[in-house]
PDB file of N, CA and C in Angstrom:
ATOM      1  N   MET A   1       0.896  -1.121   0.084  1.00  0.00           N
ATOM      2  CA  MET A   1      -0.032   0.075  -0.043  1.00  0.00           C
ATOM      3  C   MET A   1       0.843   1.283  -0.066  1.00  0.00           C
ATOM      4  N   ILE A   2       0.567   2.169  -0.697  1.00  0.00           N
ATOM      5  CA  ILE A   2       1.227   3.398  -0.945  1.00  0.00           C
ATOM      6  C   ILE A   2       0.798   4.333   0.248  1.00  0.00           C
ATOM      7  N   LYS A   3       1.873   4.976   0.864  1.00  0.00           N
ATOM      8  CA  LYS A   3       1.511   5.933   1.955  1.00  0.00           C
ATOM      9  C   LYS A   3       2.014   7.313   1.636  1.00  0.00           C
ATOM     10  N   LEU A   4       1.393   8.274   2.117  1.00  0.00           N
ATOM     11  CA  LEU A   4       1.550   9.621   2.064  1.00  0.00           C
ATOM     12  C   LEU A   4       3.097  10.156   2.372  1.00  0.00           C
ATOM     13  N   ILE A   5       3.675   9.595   3.405  1.00  0.00           N
ATOM     14  CA  ILE A   5       4.973   9.885   3.742  1.00  0.00           C
ATOM     15  C   ILE A   5       6.018   9.391   2.803  1.00  0.00           C
ATOM     16  N   TYR A   6       5.684   8.436   1.848  1.00  0.00           N
ATOM     17  CA  TYR A   6       6.620   7.873   1.094  1.00  0.00           C
ATOM     18  C   TYR A   6       6.571   8.636  -0.350  1.00  0.00           C
ATOM     19  N   LYS A   7       5.563   9.311  -0.442  1.00  0.00           N
ATOM     20  CA  LYS A   7       5.285   9.946  -1.737  1.00  0.00           C
ATOM     21  C   LYS A   7       6.192  11.322  -1.910  1.00  0.00           C
ATOM     22  N   THR A   8       6.946  11.449  -3.031  1.00  0.00           N
ATOM     23  CA  THR A   8       7.589  12.680  -3.202  1.00  0.00           C
ATOM     24  C   THR A   8       6.498  13.808  -3.930  1.00  0.00           C
ATOM     25  N   TRP A   9       6.741  14.995  -3.270  1.00  0.00           N
ATOM     26  CA  TRP A   9       5.937  16.116  -3.458  1.00  0.00           C
ATOM     27  C   TRP A   9       6.674  17.138  -4.449  1.00  0.00           C
ATOM     28  N   ASP A  10       7.845  16.780  -4.967  1.00  0.00           N
ATOM     29  CA  ASP A  10       8.684  17.823  -5.735  1.00  0.00           C
ATOM     30  C   ASP A  10       8.006  18.183  -6.923  1.00  0.00           C
ATOM     31  N   SER A  11       7.340  17.320  -7.575  1.00  0.00           N
ATOM     32  CA  SER A  11       6.645  17.493  -8.944  1.00  0.00           C
ATOM     33  C   SER A  11       5.577  18.554  -8.869  1.00  0.00           C
ATOM     34  N   ILE A  12       5.007  18.564  -7.520  1.00  0.00           N
ATOM     35  CA  ILE A  12       3.851  19.426  -7.362  1.00  0.00           C
ATOM     36  C   ILE A  12       4.267  20.795  -7.188  1.00  0.00           C
ATOM     37  N   PHE A  13       5.380  20.970  -6.396  1.00  0.00           N
ATOM     38  CA  PHE A  13       6.004  22.256  -6.139  1.00  0.00           C
ATOM     39  C   PHE A  13       6.699  22.889  -7.243  1.00  0.00           C
ATOM     40  N   ASP A  14       7.001  22.242  -8.314  1.00  0.00           N
ATOM     41  CA  ASP A  14       7.692  22.787  -9.427  1.00  0.00           C
ATOM     42  C   ASP A  14       6.799  23.722 -10.281  1.00  0.00           C
ATOM     43  N   ASN A  15       5.504  23.497 -10.033  1.00  0.00           N
ATOM     44  CA  ASN A  15       4.501  24.230 -10.788  1.00  0.00           C
ATOM     45  C   ASN A  15       4.124  25.628 -10.202  1.00  0.00           C
ATOM     46  N   SER A  16       3.892  26.576 -10.931  1.00  0.00           N
ATOM     47  CA  SER A  16       3.641  27.864 -10.343  1.00  0.00           C
ATOM     48  C   SER A  16       2.186  28.174 -10.134  1.00  0.00           C
ATOM     49  N   ASP A  17       1.465  27.498 -10.813  1.00  0.00           N
ATOM     50  CA  ASP A  17      -0.059  27.790 -10.746  1.00  0.00           C
ATOM     51  C   ASP A  17      -0.617  27.119  -9.552  1.00  0.00           C
ATOM     52  N   VAL A  18      -1.325  27.622  -8.638  1.00  0.00           N
ATOM     53  CA  VAL A  18      -1.807  27.187  -7.459  1.00  0.00           C
ATOM     54  C   VAL A  18      -2.882  26.257  -7.617  1.00  0.00           C
ATOM     55  N   ASN A  19      -3.792  26.365  -8.733  1.00  0.00           N
ATOM     56  CA  ASN A  19      -4.846  25.469  -9.009  1.00  0.00           C
ATOM     57  C   ASN A  19      -4.245  24.223  -9.499  1.00  0.00           C
ATOM     58  N   THR A  20      -3.234  24.155 -10.314  1.00  0.00           N
ATOM     59  CA  THR A  20      -2.728  22.945 -10.778  1.00  0.00           C
ATOM     60  C   THR A  20      -1.994  22.217  -9.746  1.00  0.00           C
ATOM     61  N   MET A  21      -1.304  22.912  -8.836  1.00  0.00           N
ATOM     62  CA  MET A  21      -0.718  22.262  -7.573  1.00  0.00           C
ATOM     63  C   MET A  21      -1.730  21.675  -6.655  1.00  0.00           C
ATOM     64  N   PHE A  22      -2.937  22.257  -6.536  1.00  0.00           N
ATOM     65  CA  PHE A  22      -3.895  21.697  -5.770  1.00  0.00           C
ATOM     66  C   PHE A  22      -4.472  20.454  -6.448  1.00  0.00           C
ATOM     67  N   ASN A  23      -4.730  20.431  -7.713  1.00  0.00           N
ATOM     68  CA  ASN A  23      -5.364  19.460  -8.351  1.00  0.00           C
ATOM     69  C   ASN A  23      -4.382  18.057  -8.380  1.00  0.00           C
ATOM     70  N   PHE A  24      -3.028  18.421  -8.516  1.00  0.00           N
ATOM     71  CA  PHE A  24      -2.082  17.398  -8.495  1.00  0.00           C
ATOM     72  C   PHE A  24      -2.029  16.683  -7.110  1.00  0.00           C
ATOM     73  N   SER A  25      -1.999  17.664  -6.103  1.00  0.00           N
ATOM     74  CA  SER A  25      -1.873  17.035  -4.705  1.00  0.00           C
ATOM     75  C   SER A  25      -3.189  16.341  -4.342  1.00  0.00           C
ATOM     76  N   LEU A  26      -4.250  16.779  -4.719  1.00  0.00           N
ATOM     77  CA  LEU A  26      -5.540  16.257  -4.476  1.00  0.00           C
ATOM     78  C   LEU A  26      -5.611  14.751  -5.215  1.00  0.00           C
ATOM     79  N   THR A  27      -5.317  14.587  -6.343  1.00  0.00           N
ATOM     80  CA  THR A  27      -5.201  13.468  -7.189  1.00  0.00           C
ATOM     81  C   THR A  27      -4.302  12.399  -6.452  1.00  0.00           C
ATOM     82  N   ILE A  28      -3.256  12.807  -6.049  1.00  0.00           N
ATOM     83  CA  ILE A  28      -2.275  11.961  -5.368  1.00  0.00           C
ATOM     84  C   ILE A  28      -2.983  11.593  -3.929  1.00  0.00           C
ATOM     85  N   TYR A  29      -3.403  12.377  -3.327  1.00  0.00           N
ATOM     86  CA  TYR A  29      -4.121  12.077  -1.939  1.00  0.00           C
ATOM     87  C   TYR A  29      -5.228  11.047  -2.346  1.00  0.00           C
ATOM     88  N   LEU A  30      -6.165  11.289  -3.193  1.00  0.00           N
ATOM     89  CA  LEU A  30      -7.284  10.478  -3.356  1.00  0.00           C
ATOM     90  C   LEU A  30      -6.796   9.168  -3.867  1.00  0.00           C
ATOM     91  N   ARG A  31      -5.787   9.081  -4.598  1.00  0.00           N
ATOM     92  CA  ARG A  31      -5.386   7.785  -5.160  1.00  0.00           C
ATOM     93  C   ARG A  31      -4.750   6.859  -4.060  1.00  0.00           C
ATOM     94  N   ILE A  32      -4.074   7.625  -3.165  1.00  0.00           N
ATOM     95  CA  ILE A  32      -3.599   6.837  -1.842  1.00  0.00           C
ATOM     96  C   ILE A  32      -4.753   6.460  -0.950  1.00  0.00           C
ATOM     97  N   PHE A  33      -5.569   7.420  -0.738  1.00  0.00           N
ATOM     98  CA  PHE A  33      -6.906   7.163   0.031  1.00  0.00           C
ATOM     99  C   PHE A  33      -7.606   5.949  -0.440  1.00  0.00           C
ATOM    100  N   TYR A  34      -8.056   5.896  -1.785  1.00  0.00           N
ATOM    101  CA  TYR A  34      -8.826   4.801  -2.229  1.00  0.00           C
ATOM    102  C   TYR A  34      -8.116   3.561  -2.388  1.00  0.00           C
ATOM    103  N   SER A  35      -6.807   3.621  -2.397  1.00  0.00           N
ATOM    104  CA  SER A  35      -5.879   2.305  -2.571  1.00  0.00           C
ATOM    105  C   SER A  35      -6.042   1.529  -1.224  1.00  0.00           C
ATOM    106  N   GLY A  36      -6.440   2.196  -0.178  1.00  0.00           N
ATOM    107  CA  GLY A  36      -6.569   1.554   1.208  1.00  0.00           C
ATOM    108  C   GLY A  36      -7.839   0.722   1.345  1.00  0.00           C
ATOM    109  N   PHE A  37      -8.761   0.809   0.451  1.00  0.00           N
ATOM    110  CA  PHE A  37     -10.071   0.319   0.502  1.00  0.00           C
ATOM    111  C   PHE A  37     -10.234  -0.676  -0.619  1.00  0.00           C
ATOM    112  N   SER A  38     -10.673  -1.872  -0.282  1.00  0.00           N
ATOM    113  CA  SER A  38     -10.860  -2.887  -1.374  1.00  0.00           C
ATOM    114  C   SER A  38     -12.336  -2.781  -1.888  1.00  0.00           C
ATOM    115  N   LEU A  39     -12.514  -3.043  -3.215  1.00  0.00           N
ATOM    116  CA  LEU A  39     -13.846  -3.090  -3.805  1.00  0.00           C
ATOM    117  C   LEU A  39     -14.579  -4.252  -3.557  1.00  0.00           C
ATOM    118  N   LYS A  40     -15.755  -4.271  -2.918  1.00  0.00           N
ATOM    119  CA  LYS A  40     -16.415  -5.507  -2.568  1.00  0.00           C
ATOM    120  C   LYS A  40     -17.860  -5.448  -3.246  1.00  0.00           C
ATOM    121  N   LYS A  41     -18.166  -6.353  -4.014  1.00  0.00           N
ATOM    122  CA  LYS A  41     -19.383  -6.407  -4.609  1.00  0.00           C
ATOM    123  C   LYS A  41     -20.521  -6.980  -3.772  1.00  0.00           C
ATOM    124  N   PRO A  42     -21.671  -6.378  -3.493  1.00  0.00           N
ATOM    125  CA  PRO A  42     -22.728  -6.928  -2.457  1.00  0.00           C
ATOM    126  C   PRO A  42     -23.055  -8.419  -3.017  1.00  0.00           C
ATOM    127  N   SER A  43     -23.123  -9.161  -1.913  1.00  0.00           N
ATOM    128  CA  SER A  43     -23.524 -10.599  -2.289  1.00  0.00           C
ATOM    129  C   SER A  43     -25.110 -10.628  -2.406  1.00  0.00           C
ATOM    130  N   MET A  44     -25.714 -11.476  -3.311  1.00  0.00           N
ATOM    131  CA  MET A  44     -26.980 -11.712  -3.545  1.00  0.00           C
ATOM    132  C   MET A  44     -27.410 -12.503  -2.471  1.00  0.00           C
ATOM    133  N   LYS A  45     -28.666 -12.492  -2.066  1.00  0.00           N
ATOM    134  CA  LYS A  45     -29.293 -13.215  -1.111  1.00  0.00           C
ATOM    135  C   LYS A  45     -29.603 -14.593  -1.654  1.00  0.00           C
ATOM    136  N   THR A  46     -29.181 -15.651  -0.883  1.00  0.00           N
ATOM    137  CA  THR A  46     -29.468 -17.038  -1.357  1.00  0.00           C
ATOM    138  C   THR A  46     -30.712 -17.422  -1.137  1.00  0.00           C
ATOM    139  N   GLU A  47     -31.452 -16.631  -0.107  1.00  0.00           N
ATOM    140  CA  GLU A  47     -32.820 -17.282   0.270  1.00  0.00           C
ATOM    141  C   GLU A  47     -33.737 -16.791  -0.721  1.00  0.00           C
ATOM    142  N   SER A  48     -34.529 -17.685  -0.999  1.00  0.00           N
ATOM    143  CA  SER A  48     -35.627 -17.509  -2.013  1.00  0.00           C
ATOM    144  C   SER A  48     -37.029 -17.002  -1.279  1.00  0.00           C
ATOM    145  N   ASN A  49     -37.478 -15.978  -1.878  1.00  0.00           N
ATOM    146  CA  ASN A  49     -38.652 -15.470  -1.287  1.00  0.00           C
ATOM    147  C   ASN A  49     -39.971 -15.728  -2.178  1.00  0.00           C
ATOM    148  N   ALA A  50     -39.919 -17.001  -2.785  1.00  0.00           N
ATOM    149  CA  ALA A  50     -40.991 -17.461  -3.643  1.00  0.00           C
ATOM    150  C   ALA A  50     -42.362 -17.661  -2.848  1.00  0.00           C
ATOM    151  N   TRP A  51     -42.269 -17.886  -1.581  1.00  0.00           N
ATOM    152  CA  TRP A  51     -43.275 -18.233  -0.843  1.00  0.00           C
ATOM    153  C   TRP A  51     -44.161 -16.843  -0.508  1.00  0.00           C
ATOM    154  N   ILE A  52     -43.678 -15.790  -0.828  1.00  0.00           N
ATOM    155  CA  ILE A  52     -44.449 -14.463  -0.524  1.00  0.00           C
ATOM    156  C   ILE A  52     -45.308 -14.273  -1.584  1.00  0.00           C
ATOM    157  N   THR A  53     -46.624 -14.465  -1.222  1.00  0.00           N
ATOM    158  CA  THR A  53     -47.631 -14.518  -2.059  1.00  0.00           C
ATOM    159  C   THR A  53     -48.162 -12.964  -2.394  1.00  0.00           C
ATOM    160  N   LEU A  54     -49.060 -12.798  -3.425  1.00  0.00           N
ATOM    161  CA  LEU A  54     -49.644 -11.454  -3.707  1.00  0.00           C
ATOM    162  C   LEU A  54     -50.622 -11.074  -2.449  1.00  0.00           C
ATOM    163  N   GLY A  55     -51.202 -12.107  -1.806  1.00  0.00           N
ATOM    164  CA  GLY A  55     -51.960 -11.782  -0.692  1.00  0.00           C
ATOM    165  C   GLY A  55     -51.186 -11.318   0.548  1.00  0.00           C
ATOM    166  N   ILE A  56     -50.008 -11.815   0.654  1.00  0.00           N
ATOM    167  CA  ILE A  56     -49.189 -11.305   1.846  1.00  0.00           C
ATOM    168  C   ILE A  56     -48.686  -9.837   1.508  1.00  0.00           C
ATOM    169  N   LYS A  57     -48.404  -9.639   0.170  1.00  0.00           N
ATOM    170  CA  LYS A  57     -47.902  -8.295   0.025  1.00  0.00           C
ATOM    171  C   LYS A  57     -49.143  -7.319   0.085  1.00  0.00           C
ATOM    172  N   THR A  58     -50.221  -7.705  -0.239  1.00  0.00           N
ATOM    173  CA  THR A  58     -51.194  -6.819  -0.219  1.00  0.00           C
ATOM    174  C   THR A  58     -51.679  -6.431   1.271  1.00  0.00           C
ATOM    175  N   SER A  59     -51.677  -7.517   2.124  1.00  0.00           N
ATOM    176  CA  SER A  59     -51.900  -7.498   3.531  1.00  0.00           C
ATOM    177  C   SER A  59     -50.842  -6.600   4.311  1.00  0.00           C
ATOM    178  N   CYS A  60     -49.647  -6.655   3.776  1.00  0.00           N
ATOM    179  CA  CYS A  60     -48.610  -5.797   4.373  1.00  0.00           C
ATOM    180  C   CYS A  60     -48.700  -4.352   4.067  1.00  0.00           C
ATOM    181  N   LYS A  61     -49.382  -4.097   2.811  1.00  0.00           N
ATOM    182  CA  LYS A  61     -49.604  -2.633   2.369  1.00  0.00           C
ATOM    183  C   LYS A  61     -50.778  -2.290   3.247  1.00  0.00           C
ATOM    184  N   HIS A  62     -51.708  -2.980   3.379  1.00  0.00           N
ATOM    185  CA  HIS A  62     -53.040  -2.593   4.166  1.00  0.00           C
ATOM    186  C   HIS A  62     -52.679  -2.415   5.488  1.00  0.00           C
ATOM    187  N   LYS A  63     -51.675  -3.072   6.123  1.00  0.00           N
ATOM    188  CA  LYS A  63     -51.409  -3.000   7.572  1.00  0.00           C
ATOM    189  C   LYS A  63     -50.825  -1.715   7.879  1.00  0.00           C
ATOM    190  N   ARG A  64     -50.253  -0.886   6.911  1.00  0.00           N
ATOM    191  CA  ARG A  64     -49.553   0.496   7.210  1.00  0.00           C
ATOM    192  C   ARG A  64     -50.785   1.512   7.670  1.00  0.00           C
ATOM    193  N   ASP A  65     -52.020   1.425   7.013  1.00  0.00           N
ATOM    194  CA  ASP A  65     -53.130   2.390   7.241  1.00  0.00           C
ATOM    195  C   ASP A  65     -53.467   2.363   8.713  1.00  0.00           C
ATOM    196  N   PRO A  66     -53.802   1.095   9.300  1.00  0.00           N
ATOM    197  CA  PRO A  66     -54.308   1.015  10.727  1.00  0.00           C
ATOM    198  C   PRO A  66     -53.059   1.342  11.680  1.00  0.00           C
ATOM    199  N   CYS A  67     -51.855   1.071  11.124  1.00  0.00           N
ATOM    200  CA  CYS A  67     -50.598   1.420  12.029  1.00  0.00           C
ATOM    201  C   CYS A  67     -50.609   2.983  12.200  1.00  0.00           C
ATOM    202  N   LEU A  68     -50.674   3.658  11.080  1.00  0.00           N
ATOM    203  CA  LEU A  68     -50.682   5.082  11.263  1.00  0.00           C
ATOM    204  C   LEU A  68     -51.829   5.587  12.185  1.00  0.00           C
ATOM    205  N   LEU A  69     -53.079   5.052  11.985  1.00  0.00           N
ATOM    206  CA  LEU A  69     -54.255   5.507  12.712  1.00  0.00           C
ATOM    207  C   LEU A  69     -54.102   5.148  14.189  1.00  0.00           C
ATOM    208  N   SER A  70     -53.529   4.006  14.472  1.00  0.00           N
ATOM    209  CA  SER A  70     -53.419   3.633  15.855  1.00  0.00           C
ATOM    210  C   SER A  70     -52.331   4.499  16.583  1.00  0.00           C
ATOM    211  N   ARG A  71     -51.341   5.096  15.786  1.00  0.00           N
ATOM    212  CA  ARG A  71     -50.489   5.842  16.423  1.00  0.00           C
ATOM    213  C   ARG A  71     -51.001   7.236  16.784  1.00  0.00           C
ATOM    214  N   ILE A  72     -51.938   7.755  15.893  1.00  0.00           N
ATOM    215  CA  ILE A  72     -52.426   9.006  16.161  1.00  0.00           C
ATOM    216  C   ILE A  72     -53.515   8.942  17.248  1.00  0.00           C
ATOM    217  N   SER A  73     -54.352   7.932  17.077  1.00  0.00           N
ATOM    218  CA  SER A  73     -55.548   7.929  17.869  1.00  0.00           C
ATOM    219  C   SER A  73     -55.243   7.319  19.139  1.00  0.00           C
ATOM    220  N   ASN A  74     -56.058   7.574  20.295  1.00  0.00           N
ATOM    221  CA  ASN A  74     -56.083   7.054  21.563  1.00  0.00           C
ATOM    222  C   ASN A  74     -57.039   5.825  21.702  1.00  0.00           C
ATOM    223  N   ASP A  75     -57.747   5.431  20.607  1.00  0.00           N
ATOM    224  CA  ASP A  75     -58.738   4.446  20.634  1.00  0.00           C
ATOM    225  C   ASP A  75     -58.168   3.086  20.912  1.00  0.00           C
ATOM    226  N   SER A  76     -58.381   2.481  22.081  1.00  0.00           N
ATOM    227  CA  SER A  76     -57.880   1.156  22.349  1.00  0.00           C
ATOM    228  C   SER A  76     -58.452   0.119  21.581  1.00  0.00           C
ATOM    229  N   LYS A  77     -59.653   0.207  21.096  1.00  0.00           N
ATOM    230  CA  LYS A  77     -60.245  -0.774  20.085  1.00  0.00           C
ATOM    231  C   LYS A  77     -59.605  -0.818  18.798  1.00  0.00           C
ATOM    232  N   LEU A  78     -59.038   0.357  18.260  1.00  0.00           N
ATOM    233  CA  LEU A  78     -58.439   0.500  17.022  1.00  0.00           C
ATOM    234  C   LEU A  78     -57.057  -0.306  17.317  1.00  0.00           C
ATOM    235  N   LYS A  79     -56.367   0.116  18.417  1.00  0.00           N
ATOM    236  CA  LYS A  79     -55.082  -0.488  18.675  1.00  0.00           C
ATOM    237  C   LYS A  79     -55.133  -1.993  18.665  1.00  0.00           C
ATOM    238  N   ASN A  80     -56.211  -2.555  19.508  1.00  0.00           N
ATOM    239  CA  ASN A  80     -56.315  -3.916  19.692  1.00  0.00           C
ATOM    240  C   ASN A  80     -56.583  -4.555  18.296  1.00  0.00           C
ATOM    241  N   CYS A  81     -57.392  -4.035  17.393  1.00  0.00           N
ATOM    242  CA  CYS A  81     -57.597  -4.443  16.167  1.00  0.00           C
ATOM    243  C   CYS A  81     -56.259  -4.528  15.335  1.00  0.00           C
ATOM    244  N   TYR A  82     -55.629  -3.531  15.452  1.00  0.00           N
ATOM    245  CA  TYR A  82     -54.252  -3.486  14.609  1.00  0.00           C
ATOM    246  C   TYR A  82     -53.361  -4.699  15.212  1.00  0.00           C
ATOM    247  N   LYS A  83     -53.154  -4.762  16.596  1.00  0.00           N
ATOM    248  CA  LYS A  83     -52.390  -5.840  17.078  1.00  0.00           C
ATOM    249  C   LYS A  83     -52.835  -7.250  16.616  1.00  0.00           C
ATOM    250  N   LEU A  84     -54.148  -7.374  16.705  1.00  0.00           N
ATOM    251  CA  LEU A  84     -54.689  -8.610  16.202  1.00  0.00           C
ATOM    252  C   LEU A  84     -54.296  -8.862  14.606  1.00  0.00           C
ATOM    253  N   TYR A  85     -54.484  -7.924  13.835  1.00  0.00           N
ATOM    254  CA  TYR A  85     -54.164  -7.939  12.499  1.00  0.00           C
ATOM    255  C   TYR A  85     -52.746  -8.369  12.325  1.00  0.00           C
ATOM    256  N   CYS A  86     -51.882  -7.792  12.974  1.00  0.00           N
ATOM    257  CA  CYS A  86     -50.307  -8.035  12.979  1.00  0.00           C
ATOM    258  C   CYS A  86     -50.088  -9.457  13.284  1.00  0.00           C
ATOM    259  N   LYS A  87     -50.696  -9.866  14.342  1.00  0.00           N
ATOM    260  CA  LYS A  87     -50.376 -11.191  14.882  1.00  0.00           C
ATOM    261  C   LYS A  87     -50.955 -12.248  13.850  1.00  0.00           C
ATOM    262  N   MET A  88     -52.146 -12.073  13.257  1.00  0.00           N
ATOM    263  CA  MET A  88     -52.602 -12.997  12.241  1.00  0.00           C
ATOM    264  C   MET A  88     -51.635 -12.891  11.017  1.00  0.00           C
ATOM    265  N   LEU A  89     -51.269 -11.892  10.568  1.00  0.00           N
ATOM    266  CA  LEU A  89     -50.359 -11.731   9.352  1.00  0.00           C
ATOM    267  C   LEU A  89     -49.088 -12.453   9.764  1.00  0.00           C
ATOM    268  N   SER A  90     -48.534 -12.162  10.929  1.00  0.00           N
ATOM    269  CA  SER A  90     -47.102 -12.803  11.185  1.00  0.00           C
ATOM    270  C   SER A  90     -47.296 -14.389  11.361  1.00  0.00           C
ATOM    271  N   ASP A  91     -48.474 -14.848  11.758  1.00  0.00           N
ATOM    272  CA  ASP A  91     -48.713 -16.176  11.825  1.00  0.00           C
ATOM    273  C   ASP A  91     -48.914 -16.890  10.380  1.00  0.00           C
ATOM    274  N   VAL A  92     -49.454 -16.164   9.555  1.00  0.00           N
ATOM    275  CA  VAL A  92     -49.657 -16.716   8.171  1.00  0.00           C
ATOM    276  C   VAL A  92     -48.333 -16.801   7.446  1.00  0.00           C
ATOM    277  N   VAL A  93     -47.392 -15.645   7.750  1.00  0.00           N
ATOM    278  CA  VAL A  93     -46.125 -15.566   7.202  1.00  0.00           C
ATOM    279  C   VAL A  93     -45.236 -16.777   7.725  1.00  0.00           C
ATOM    280  N   LYS A  94     -45.435 -17.092   8.982  1.00  0.00           N
ATOM    281  CA  LYS A  94     -44.559 -18.128   9.581  1.00  0.00           C
ATOM    282  C   LYS A  94     -45.006 -19.492   8.924  1.00  0.00           C
ATOM    283  N   GLU A  95     -46.210 -19.752   8.812  1.00  0.00           N
ATOM    284  CA  GLU A  95     -46.802 -20.884   8.335  1.00  0.00           C
ATOM    285  C   GLU A  95     -46.322 -21.112   6.818  1.00  0.00           C
ATOM    286  N   LEU A  96     -46.315 -20.088   6.007  1.00  0.00           N
ATOM    287  CA  LEU A  96     -45.915 -20.171   4.648  1.00  0.00           C
ATOM    288  C   LEU A  96     -44.480 -20.331   4.563  1.00  0.00           C
ATOM    289  N   LYS A  97     -43.615 -19.781   5.557  1.00  0.00           N
ATOM    290  CA  LYS A  97     -42.102 -20.125   5.543  1.00  0.00           C
ATOM    291  C   LYS A  97     -41.910 -21.589   5.783  1.00  0.00           C
ATOM    292  N   ILE A  98     -42.636 -22.004   6.680  1.00  0.00           N
ATOM    293  CA  ILE A  98     -42.416 -23.508   7.195  1.00  0.00           C
ATOM    294  C   ILE A  98     -42.766 -24.432   5.909  1.00  0.00           C
ATOM    295  N   ILE A  99     -44.022 -24.151   5.325  1.00  0.00           N
ATOM    296  CA  ILE A  99     -44.358 -24.907   4.170  1.00  0.00           C
ATOM    297  C   ILE A  99     -43.326 -24.813   2.978  1.00  0.00           C
ATOM    298  N   ALA A 100     -42.737 -23.547   2.704  1.00  0.00           N
ATOM    299  CA  ALA A 100     -41.821 -23.449   1.835  1.00  0.00           C
ATOM    300  C   ALA A 100     -40.449 -24.206   2.066  1.00  0.00           C
ATOM    301  N   VAL A 101     -40.020 -24.204   3.261  1.00  0.00           N
ATOM    302  CA  VAL A 101     -38.914 -24.986   3.724  1.00  0.00           C
ATOM    303  C   VAL A 101     -39.226 -26.563   3.477  1.00  0.00           C
ATOM    304  N   VAL A 102     -40.424 -26.949   3.897  1.00  0.00           N
ATOM    305  CA  VAL A 102     -40.683 -28.394   3.787  1.00  0.00           C
ATOM    306  C   VAL A 102     -40.699 -28.723   2.271  1.00  0.00           C
ATOM    307  N   ASP A 103     -41.346 -27.955   1.502  1.00  0.00           N
ATOM    308  CA  ASP A 103     -41.494 -28.249   0.101  1.00  0.00           C
ATOM    309  C   ASP A 103     -39.901 -28.229  -0.603  1.00  0.00           C
ATOM    310  N   CYS A 104     -39.050 -27.485  -0.113  1.00  0.00           N
ATOM    311  CA  CYS A 104     -37.827 -27.448  -0.673  1.00  0.00           C
ATOM    312  C   CYS A 104     -36.996 -28.707  -0.302  1.00  0.00           C
ATOM    313  N   GLU A 105     -37.182 -29.277   0.853  1.00  0.00           N
ATOM    314  CA  GLU A 105     -36.541 -30.449   1.316  1.00  0.00           C
ATOM    315  C   GLU A 105     -36.991 -31.630   0.540  1.00  0.00           C
ATOM    316  N   PHE A 106     -38.033 -31.755  -0.029  1.00  0.00           N
ATOM    317  CA  PHE A 106     -38.512 -32.971  -0.677  1.00  0.00           C
ATOM    318  C   PHE A 106     -38.413 -32.861  -2.219  1.00  0.00           C
ATOM    319  N   ILE A 107     -37.857 -31.633  -2.655  1.00  0.00           N
ATOM    320  CA  ILE A 107     -37.502 -31.583  -4.058  1.00  0.00           C
ATOM    321  C   ILE A 107     -36.187 -32.125  -4.424  1.00  0.00           C
TER     322      ILE A 107
END
């Protein structure tokens, strides 16, 4: 790895234009800075989400409206309905995940 202390700066100071000197020094600094970091590509998720149905997606979208209303309102009945809806949705998601795992094992 290249380090700043080992770089010779003579070529920068030979120039009389301040802007050119700055651009040269910034280029050297950035080259050294970026050489210290490796480029990594993000890994793709190996987990398949094929079990997510259109019904689950729709239910998740519809869950947002009661969520916002329950935050604003002090109505305990509305909050209980929202909690019940969330529990039912999470139970359905858990069941579908289990079914998807079982189906994958038998393939």
